[in-house]
Structures are given as C-alpha cells and as structure tokens.
Amino acid sequence: MEYNQLISQLTPEIYLSLKTAIEIGKWPDGRVLTKDQKASCMEAILCYQSMKLDSQQHSGYMPDQCASSSCLLYTSDAADE
C-alpha cells in the first residue's frame, strides 16, 4: 500500500491517538515512543493534516494577524531601545 493511501485511510481517532502519543511521548498503553516512532508519527500527522484538515487546524498554525489591532511584534530593534 502506498504511504499517501495509508494516511488517507487513517480515522480521526487514530490521528488523535498518534498526536497524543507525540505530545506525551508514550503510547496509550504507557510504552515510551522511540525516536524513530516519534519521527514516523510526526510525519503521519503532518501528512494527515495536509490531506484532511483546514490550514487553521494544522499543528503550529499561526494566524496572519494578531487578534488585537494594537498588537506589537517583538523585534531586535525594539530590544535596543
């Protein structure tokens, strides 16, 4: 089975289980994820998000604008003042 086909068949429940495993570093049964397992899970959830979710639902999504119109962004110039 091709990788993209496999990812397209993931259920939302499996996706959330993989995402939780990465967040806490453990499988649901308590076993610790290996470095390779974390990398594989991360690749799978990012691919799933790309295929099935709106961009606002992707991990690490940041809106183009701050919610507050008076929001100031930190810059290195501001730190020198």
PDB file of N, CA and C in Angstrom:
ATOM      1  N   MET A   1       0.846  -1.175   0.000  1.00  0.00           N
ATOM      2  CA  MET A   1       0.000   0.000   0.000  1.00  0.00           C
ATOM      3  C   MET A   1       0.895   1.243   0.000  1.00  0.00           C
ATOM      4  N   GLU A   2       0.548   2.205  -0.812  1.00  0.00           N
ATOM      5  CA  GLU A   2       1.295   3.456  -0.889  1.00  0.00           C
ATOM      6  C   GLU A   2       1.070   4.290   0.380  1.00  0.00           C
ATOM      7  N   TYR A   3       2.107   5.037   0.769  1.00  0.00           N
ATOM      8  CA  TYR A   3       2.059   5.812   2.014  1.00  0.00           C
ATOM      9  C   TYR A   3       0.874   6.775   2.043  1.00  0.00           C
ATOM     10  N   ASN A   4       0.683   7.546   0.976  1.00  0.00           N
ATOM     11  CA  ASN A   4      -0.425   8.513   0.952  1.00  0.00           C
ATOM     12  C   ASN A   4      -1.777   7.824   1.045  1.00  0.00           C
ATOM     13  N   GLN A   5      -1.890   6.640   0.464  1.00  0.00           N
ATOM     14  CA  GLN A   5      -3.136   5.880   0.558  1.00  0.00           C
ATOM     15  C   GLN A   5      -3.363   5.441   2.009  1.00  0.00           C
ATOM     16  N   LEU A   6      -2.294   5.007   2.657  1.00  0.00           N
ATOM     17  CA  LEU A   6      -2.387   4.618   4.063  1.00  0.00           C
ATOM     18  C   LEU A   6      -2.834   5.791   4.927  1.00  0.00           C
ATOM     19  N   ILE A   7      -2.227   6.951   4.728  1.00  0.00           N
ATOM     20  CA  ILE A   7      -2.579   8.142   5.504  1.00  0.00           C
ATOM     21  C   ILE A   7      -4.032   8.542   5.245  1.00  0.00           C
ATOM     22  N   SER A   8      -4.465   8.458   4.004  1.00  0.00           N
ATOM     23  CA  SER A   8      -5.847   8.850   3.677  1.00  0.00           C
ATOM     24  C   SER A   8      -6.874   7.947   4.350  1.00  0.00           C
ATOM     25  N   GLN A   9      -6.463   6.758   4.768  1.00  0.00           N
ATOM     26  CA  GLN A   9      -7.383   5.826   5.427  1.00  0.00           C
ATOM     27  C   GLN A   9      -7.360   5.925   6.951  1.00  0.00           C
ATOM     28  N   LEU A  10      -6.506   6.801   7.492  1.00  0.00           N
ATOM     29  CA  LEU A  10      -6.498   6.997   8.950  1.00  0.00           C
ATOM     30  C   LEU A  10      -7.821   7.599   9.393  1.00  0.00           C
ATOM     31  N   THR A  11      -8.324   7.111  10.494  1.00  0.00           N
ATOM     32  CA  THR A  11      -9.541   7.685  11.067  1.00  0.00           C
ATOM     33  C   THR A  11      -9.152   8.879  11.941  1.00  0.00           C
ATOM     34  N   PRO A  12     -10.095   9.771  12.214  1.00  0.00           N
ATOM     35  CA  PRO A  12      -9.802  10.868  13.140  1.00  0.00           C
ATOM     36  C   PRO A  12      -9.338  10.358  14.509  1.00  0.00           C
ATOM     37  N   GLU A  13      -9.851   9.227  14.953  1.00  0.00           N
ATOM     38  CA  GLU A  13      -9.462   8.674  16.246  1.00  0.00           C
ATOM     39  C   GLU A  13      -7.996   8.237  16.246  1.00  0.00           C
ATOM     40  N   ILE A  14      -7.562   7.597  15.160  1.00  0.00           N
ATOM     41  CA  ILE A  14      -6.160   7.171  15.063  1.00  0.00           C
ATOM     42  C   ILE A  14      -5.256   8.387  14.973  1.00  0.00           C
ATOM     43  N   TYR A  15      -5.666   9.384  14.180  1.00  0.00           N
ATOM     44  CA  TYR A  15      -4.896  10.626  14.074  1.00  0.00           C
ATOM     45  C   TYR A  15      -4.700  11.251  15.455  1.00  0.00           C
ATOM     46  N   LEU A  16      -5.780  11.370  16.222  1.00  0.00           N
ATOM     47  CA  LEU A  16      -5.683  11.962  17.561  1.00  0.00           C
ATOM     48  C   LEU A  16      -4.828  11.117  18.498  1.00  0.00           C
ATOM     49  N   SER A  17      -4.894   9.802  18.352  1.00  0.00           N
ATOM     50  CA  SER A  17      -4.070   8.918  19.166  1.00  0.00           C
ATOM     51  C   SER A  17      -2.588   9.115  18.854  1.00  0.00           C
ATOM     52  N   LEU A  18      -2.241   9.242  17.574  1.00  0.00           N
ATOM     53  CA  LEU A  18      -0.855   9.498  17.185  1.00  0.00           C
ATOM     54  C   LEU A  18      -0.392  10.865  17.686  1.00  0.00           C
ATOM     55  N   LYS A  19      -1.267  11.849  17.569  1.00  0.00           N
ATOM     56  CA  LYS A  19      -0.933  13.199  18.018  1.00  0.00           C
ATOM     57  C   LYS A  19      -0.702  13.229  19.534  1.00  0.00           C
ATOM     58  N   THR A  20      -1.552  12.562  20.283  1.00  0.00           N
ATOM     59  CA  THR A  20      -1.390  12.485  21.735  1.00  0.00           C
ATOM     60  C   THR A  20      -0.111  11.752  22.102  1.00  0.00           C
ATOM     61  N   ALA A  21       0.194  10.687  21.380  1.00  0.00           N
ATOM     62  CA  ALA A  21       1.416   9.929  21.656  1.00  0.00           C
ATOM     63  C   ALA A  21       2.647  10.820  21.498  1.00  0.00           C
ATOM     64  N   ILE A  22       2.656  11.659  20.488  1.00  0.00           N
ATOM     65  CA  ILE A  22       3.775  12.576  20.295  1.00  0.00           C
ATOM     66  C   ILE A  22       3.821  13.601  21.427  1.00  0.00           C
ATOM     67  N   GLU A  23       2.666  14.131  21.790  1.00  0.00           N
ATOM     68  CA  GLU A  23       2.612  15.167  22.827  1.00  0.00           C
ATOM     69  C   GLU A  23       3.123  14.672  24.177  1.00  0.00           C
ATOM     70  N   ILE A  24       2.764  13.440  24.551  1.00  0.00           N
ATOM     71  CA  ILE A  24       3.157  12.943  25.869  1.00  0.00           C
ATOM     72  C   ILE A  24       4.350  11.987  25.815  1.00  0.00           C
ATOM     73  N   GLY A  25       4.731  11.572  24.598  1.00  0.00           N
ATOM     74  CA  GLY A  25       5.893  10.696  24.443  1.00  0.00           C
ATOM     75  C   GLY A  25       5.644   9.246  24.781  1.00  0.00           C
ATOM     76  N   LYS A  26       4.359   8.871  24.861  1.00  0.00           N
ATOM     77  CA  LYS A  26       4.009   7.494  25.207  1.00  0.00           C
ATOM     78  C   LYS A  26       2.846   7.010  24.361  1.00  0.00           C
ATOM     79  N   TRP A  27       2.812   5.694  24.141  1.00  0.00           N
ATOM     80  CA  TRP A  27       1.658   5.066  23.512  1.00  0.00           C
ATOM     81  C   TRP A  27       0.532   4.979  24.540  1.00  0.00           C
ATOM     82  N   PRO A  28      -0.703   4.745  24.093  1.00  0.00           N
ATOM     83  CA  PRO A  28      -1.818   4.641  25.058  1.00  0.00           C
ATOM     84  C   PRO A  28      -1.603   3.589  26.153  1.00  0.00           C
ATOM     85  N   ASP A  29      -0.802   2.545  25.846  1.00  0.00           N
ATOM     86  CA  ASP A  29      -0.557   1.511  26.857  1.00  0.00           C
ATOM     87  C   ASP A  29       0.596   1.859  27.803  1.00  0.00           C
ATOM     88  N   GLY A  30       1.181   3.063  27.642  1.00  0.00           N
ATOM     89  CA  GLY A  30       2.215   3.513  28.556  1.00  0.00           C
ATOM     90  C   GLY A  30       3.648   3.315  28.081  1.00  0.00           C
ATOM     91  N   ARG A  31       3.842   2.556  26.988  1.00  0.00           N
ATOM     92  CA  ARG A  31       5.204   2.367  26.484  1.00  0.00           C
ATOM     93  C   ARG A  31       5.723   3.677  25.898  1.00  0.00           C
ATOM     94  N   VAL A  32       6.998   3.955  26.106  1.00  0.00           N
ATOM     95  CA  VAL A  32       7.634   5.180  25.616  1.00  0.00           C
ATOM     96  C   VAL A  32       7.913   5.042  24.123  1.00  0.00           C
ATOM     97  N   LEU A  33       7.643   6.132  23.367  1.00  0.00           N
ATOM     98  CA  LEU A  33       7.953   6.145  21.940  1.00  0.00           C
ATOM     99  C   LEU A  33       9.453   6.253  21.732  1.00  0.00           C
ATOM    100  N   THR A  34       9.957   5.527  20.754  1.00  0.00           N
ATOM    101  CA  THR A  34      11.361   5.662  20.376  1.00  0.00           C
ATOM    102  C   THR A  34      11.508   6.908  19.510  1.00  0.00           C
ATOM    103  N   LYS A  35      12.729   7.318  19.291  1.00  0.00           N
ATOM    104  CA  LYS A  35      12.996   8.477  18.443  1.00  0.00           C
ATOM    105  C   LYS A  35      12.426   8.251  17.032  1.00  0.00           C
ATOM    106  N   ASP A  36      12.611   7.049  16.490  1.00  0.00           N
ATOM    107  CA  ASP A  36      12.092   6.729  15.156  1.00  0.00           C
ATOM    108  C   ASP A  36      10.562   6.720  15.132  1.00  0.00           C
ATOM    109  N   GLN A  37       9.942   6.225  16.194  1.00  0.00           N
ATOM    110  CA  GLN A  37       8.480   6.220  16.271  1.00  0.00           C
ATOM    111  C   GLN A  37       7.932   7.641  16.320  1.00  0.00           C
ATOM    112  N   LYS A  38       8.599   8.515  17.085  1.00  0.00           N
ATOM    113  CA  LYS A  38       8.169   9.913  17.147  1.00  0.00           C
ATOM    114  C   LYS A  38       8.248  10.559  15.768  1.00  0.00           C
ATOM    115  N   ALA A  39       9.342  10.301  15.059  1.00  0.00           N
ATOM    116  CA  ALA A  39       9.516  10.874  13.722  1.00  0.00           C
ATOM    117  C   ALA A  39       8.453  10.349  12.757  1.00  0.00           C
ATOM    118  N   SER A  40       8.167   9.059  12.816  1.00  0.00           N
ATOM    119  CA  SER A  40       7.161   8.469  11.933  1.00  0.00           C
ATOM    120  C   SER A  40       5.766   9.000  12.248  1.00  0.00           C
ATOM    121  N   CYS A  41       5.453   9.111  13.534  1.00  0.00           N
ATOM    122  CA  CYS A  41       4.150   9.643  13.942  1.00  0.00           C
ATOM    123  C   CYS A  41       4.000  11.101  13.519  1.00  0.00           C
ATOM    124  N   MET A  42       5.051  11.890  13.697  1.00  0.00           N
ATOM    125  CA  MET A  42       5.005  13.299  13.312  1.00  0.00           C
ATOM    126  C   MET A  42       4.776  13.433  11.808  1.00  0.00           C
ATOM    127  N   GLU A  43       5.493  12.637  11.031  1.00  0.00           N
ATOM    128  CA  GLU A  43       5.310  12.668   9.579  1.00  0.00           C
ATOM    129  C   GLU A  43       3.874  12.296   9.213  1.00  0.00           C
ATOM    130  N   ALA A  44       3.335  11.283   9.873  1.00  0.00           N
ATOM    131  CA  ALA A  44       1.970  10.836   9.588  1.00  0.00           C
ATOM    132  C   ALA A  44       0.938  11.909   9.943  1.00  0.00           C
ATOM    133  N   ILE A  45       1.084  12.551  11.102  1.00  0.00           N
ATOM    134  CA  ILE A  45       0.073  13.552  11.478  1.00  0.00           C
ATOM    135  C   ILE A  45       0.170  14.797  10.597  1.00  0.00           C
ATOM    136  N   LEU A  46       1.382  15.183  10.212  1.00  0.00           N
ATOM    137  CA  LEU A  46       1.510  16.346   9.322  1.00  0.00           C
ATOM    138  C   LEU A  46       0.932  16.045   7.941  1.00  0.00           C
ATOM    139  N   CYS A  47       1.154  14.840   7.451  1.00  0.00           N
ATOM    140  CA  CYS A  47       0.588  14.439   6.157  1.00  0.00           C
ATOM    141  C   CYS A  47      -0.939  14.374   6.248  1.00  0.00           C
ATOM    142  N   TYR A  48      -1.453  13.800   7.339  1.00  0.00           N
ATOM    143  CA  TYR A  48      -2.901  13.729   7.561  1.00  0.00           C
ATOM    144  C   TYR A  48      -3.503  15.134   7.583  1.00  0.00           C
ATOM    145  N   GLN A  49      -2.875  16.043   8.315  1.00  0.00           N
ATOM    146  CA  GLN A  49      -3.375  17.418   8.393  1.00  0.00           C
ATOM    147  C   GLN A  49      -3.405  18.058   7.011  1.00  0.00           C
ATOM    148  N   SER A  50      -2.372  17.837   6.233  1.00  0.00           N
ATOM    149  CA  SER A  50      -2.291  18.391   4.887  1.00  0.00           C
ATOM    150  C   SER A  50      -3.400  17.856   3.991  1.00  0.00           C
ATOM    151  N   MET A  51      -3.730  16.588   4.157  1.00  0.00           N
ATOM    152  CA  MET A  51      -4.742  15.945   3.313  1.00  0.00           C
ATOM    153  C   MET A  51      -6.170  16.236   3.748  1.00  0.00           C
ATOM    154  N   LYS A  52      -6.403  16.296   5.060  1.00  0.00           N
ATOM    155  CA  LYS A  52      -7.780  16.256   5.549  1.00  0.00           C
ATOM    156  C   LYS A  52      -8.251  17.463   6.352  1.00  0.00           C
ATOM    157  N   LEU A  53      -7.354  18.330   6.790  1.00  0.00           N
ATOM    158  CA  LEU A  53      -7.764  19.424   7.671  1.00  0.00           C
ATOM    159  C   LEU A  53      -7.545  20.784   7.022  1.00  0.00           C
ATOM    160  N   ASP A  54      -8.341  21.754   7.441  1.00  0.00           N
ATOM    161  CA  ASP A  54      -8.122  23.138   7.019  1.00  0.00           C
ATOM    162  C   ASP A  54      -6.810  23.627   7.623  1.00  0.00           C
ATOM    163  N   SER A  55      -6.204  24.607   6.992  1.00  0.00           N
ATOM    164  CA  SER A  55      -4.906  25.090   7.462  1.00  0.00           C
ATOM    165  C   SER A  55      -4.964  25.599   8.903  1.00  0.00           C
ATOM    166  N   GLN A  56      -6.108  26.148   9.342  1.00  0.00           N
ATOM    167  CA  GLN A  56      -6.232  26.635  10.715  1.00  0.00           C
ATOM    168  C   GLN A  56      -6.175  25.503  11.739  1.00  0.00           C
ATOM    169  N   GLN A  57      -6.369  24.259  11.298  1.00  0.00           N
ATOM    170  CA  GLN A  57      -6.346  23.109  12.199  1.00  0.00           C
ATOM    171  C   GLN A  57      -4.988  22.415  12.220  1.00  0.00           C
ATOM    172  N   HIS A  58      -4.030  22.906  11.443  1.00  0.00           N
ATOM    173  CA  HIS A  58      -2.706  22.283  11.388  1.00  0.00           C
ATOM    174  C   HIS A  58      -1.908  22.589  12.650  1.00  0.00           C
ATOM    175  N   SER A  59      -1.056  21.665  13.027  1.00  0.00           N
ATOM    176  CA  SER A  59      -0.159  21.885  14.160  1.00  0.00           C
ATOM    177  C   SER A  59       0.730  23.083  13.871  1.00  0.00           C
ATOM    178  N   GLY A  60       0.850  23.968  14.841  1.00  0.00           N
ATOM    179  CA  GLY A  60       1.711  25.133  14.693  1.00  0.00           C
ATOM    180  C   GLY A  60       1.109  26.278  13.910  1.00  0.00           C
ATOM    181  N   TYR A  61      -0.191  26.199  13.598  1.00  0.00           N
ATOM    182  CA  TYR A  61      -0.833  27.266  12.829  1.00  0.00           C
ATOM    183  C   TYR A  61      -0.772  28.581  13.592  1.00  0.00           C
ATOM    184  N   MET A  62      -0.420  29.628  12.866  1.00  0.00           N
ATOM    185  CA  MET A  62      -0.437  30.974  13.431  1.00  0.00           C
ATOM    186  C   MET A  62      -1.190  31.865  12.451  1.00  0.00           C
ATOM    187  N   PRO A  63      -2.197  32.601  12.917  1.00  0.00           N
ATOM    188  CA  PRO A  63      -2.943  33.474  12.022  1.00  0.00           C
ATOM    189  C   PRO A  63      -2.040  34.575  11.462  1.00  0.00           C
ATOM    190  N   ASP A  64      -2.440  35.098  10.309  1.00  0.00           N
ATOM    191  CA  ASP A  64      -1.657  36.151   9.664  1.00  0.00           C
ATOM    192  C   ASP A  64      -1.631  37.431  10.488  1.00  0.00           C
ATOM    193  N   GLN A  65      -2.696  37.687  11.252  1.00  0.00           N
ATOM    194  CA  GLN A  65      -2.769  38.911  12.044  1.00  0.00           C
ATOM    195  C   GLN A  65      -3.016  38.578  13.501  1.00  0.00           C
ATOM    196  N   CYS A  66      -2.539  39.448  14.333  1.00  0.00           N
ATOM    197  CA  CYS A  66      -2.785  39.337  15.758  1.00  0.00           C
ATOM    198  C   CYS A  66      -4.259  39.642  16.032  1.00  0.00           C
ATOM    199  N   ALA A  67      -4.835  39.026  17.028  1.00  0.00           N
ATOM    200  CA  ALA A  67      -6.237  39.255  17.357  1.00  0.00           C
ATOM    201  C   ALA A  67      -6.480  40.697  17.782  1.00  0.00           C
ATOM    202  N   SER A  68      -5.484  41.334  18.349  1.00  0.00           N
ATOM    203  CA  SER A  68      -5.608  42.719  18.781  1.00  0.00           C
ATOM    204  C   SER A  68      -4.997  43.637  17.738  1.00  0.00           C
ATOM    205  N   SER A  69      -5.714  44.681  17.362  1.00  0.00           N
ATOM    206  CA  SER A  69      -5.176  45.608  16.364  1.00  0.00           C
ATOM    207  C   SER A  69      -4.026  46.429  16.928  1.00  0.00           C
ATOM    208  N   SER A  70      -3.877  46.435  18.255  1.00  0.00           N
ATOM    209  CA  SER A  70      -2.792  47.193  18.864  1.00  0.00           C
ATOM    210  C   SER A  70      -1.600  46.297  19.217  1.00  0.00           C
ATOM    211  N   CYS A  71      -1.586  45.102  18.684  1.00  0.00           N
ATOM    212  CA  CYS A  71      -0.526  44.150  18.983  1.00  0.00           C
ATOM    213  C   CYS A  71       0.808  44.643  18.429  1.00  0.00           C
ATOM    214  N   LEU A  72       1.832  44.609  19.264  1.00  0.00           N
ATOM    215  CA  LEU A  72       3.178  44.985  18.838  1.00  0.00           C
ATOM    216  C   LEU A  72       4.023  43.725  18.743  1.00  0.00           C
ATOM    217  N   LEU A  73       4.730  43.583  17.660  1.00  0.00           N
ATOM    218  CA  LEU A  73       5.601  42.441  17.495  1.00  0.00           C
ATOM    219  C   LEU A  73       6.977  42.770  18.037  1.00  0.00           C
ATOM    220  N   TYR A  74       7.606  41.810  18.657  1.00  0.00           N
ATOM    221  CA  TYR A  74       8.950  41.978  19.190  1.00  0.00           C
ATOM    222  C   TYR A  74       9.931  41.974  18.034  1.00  0.00           C
ATOM    223  N   THR A  75      10.805  42.918  17.985  1.00  0.00           N
ATOM    224  CA  THR A  75      11.891  42.941  17.006  1.00  0.00           C
ATOM    225  C   THR A  75      13.183  43.227  17.742  1.00  0.00           C
ATOM    226  N   SER A  76      14.272  42.901  17.119  1.00  0.00           N
ATOM    227  CA  SER A  76      15.549  43.144  17.772  1.00  0.00           C
ATOM    228  C   SER A  76      15.806  44.639  17.933  1.00  0.00           C
ATOM    229  N   ASP A  77      15.227  45.478  17.033  1.00  0.00           N
ATOM    230  CA  ASP A  77      15.367  46.925  17.169  1.00  0.00           C
ATOM    231  C   ASP A  77      14.699  47.430  18.435  1.00  0.00           C
ATOM    232  N   ALA A  78      13.532  46.852  18.763  1.00  0.00           N
ATOM    233  CA  ALA A  78      12.797  47.271  19.959  1.00  0.00           C
ATOM    234  C   ALA A  78      13.583  46.946  21.216  1.00  0.00           C
ATOM    235  N   ALA A  79      14.350  45.884  21.174  1.00  0.00           N
ATOM    236  CA  ALA A  79      15.122  45.476  22.344  1.00  0.00           C
ATOM    237  C   ALA A  79      16.273  46.446  22.620  1.00  0.00           C
ATOM    238  N   ASP A  80      16.761  47.116  21.564  1.00  0.00           N
ATOM    239  CA  ASP A  80      17.877  48.035  21.724  1.00  0.00           C
ATOM    240  C   ASP A  80      17.473  49.384  22.313  1.00  0.00           C
ATOM    241  N   GLU A  81      16.183  49.674  22.306  1.00  0.00           N
ATOM    242  CA  GLU A  81      15.711  50.986  22.793  1.00  0.00           C
ATOM    243  C   GLU A  81      15.724  51.089  24.285  1.00  0.00           C
TER     244      GLU A  81
END
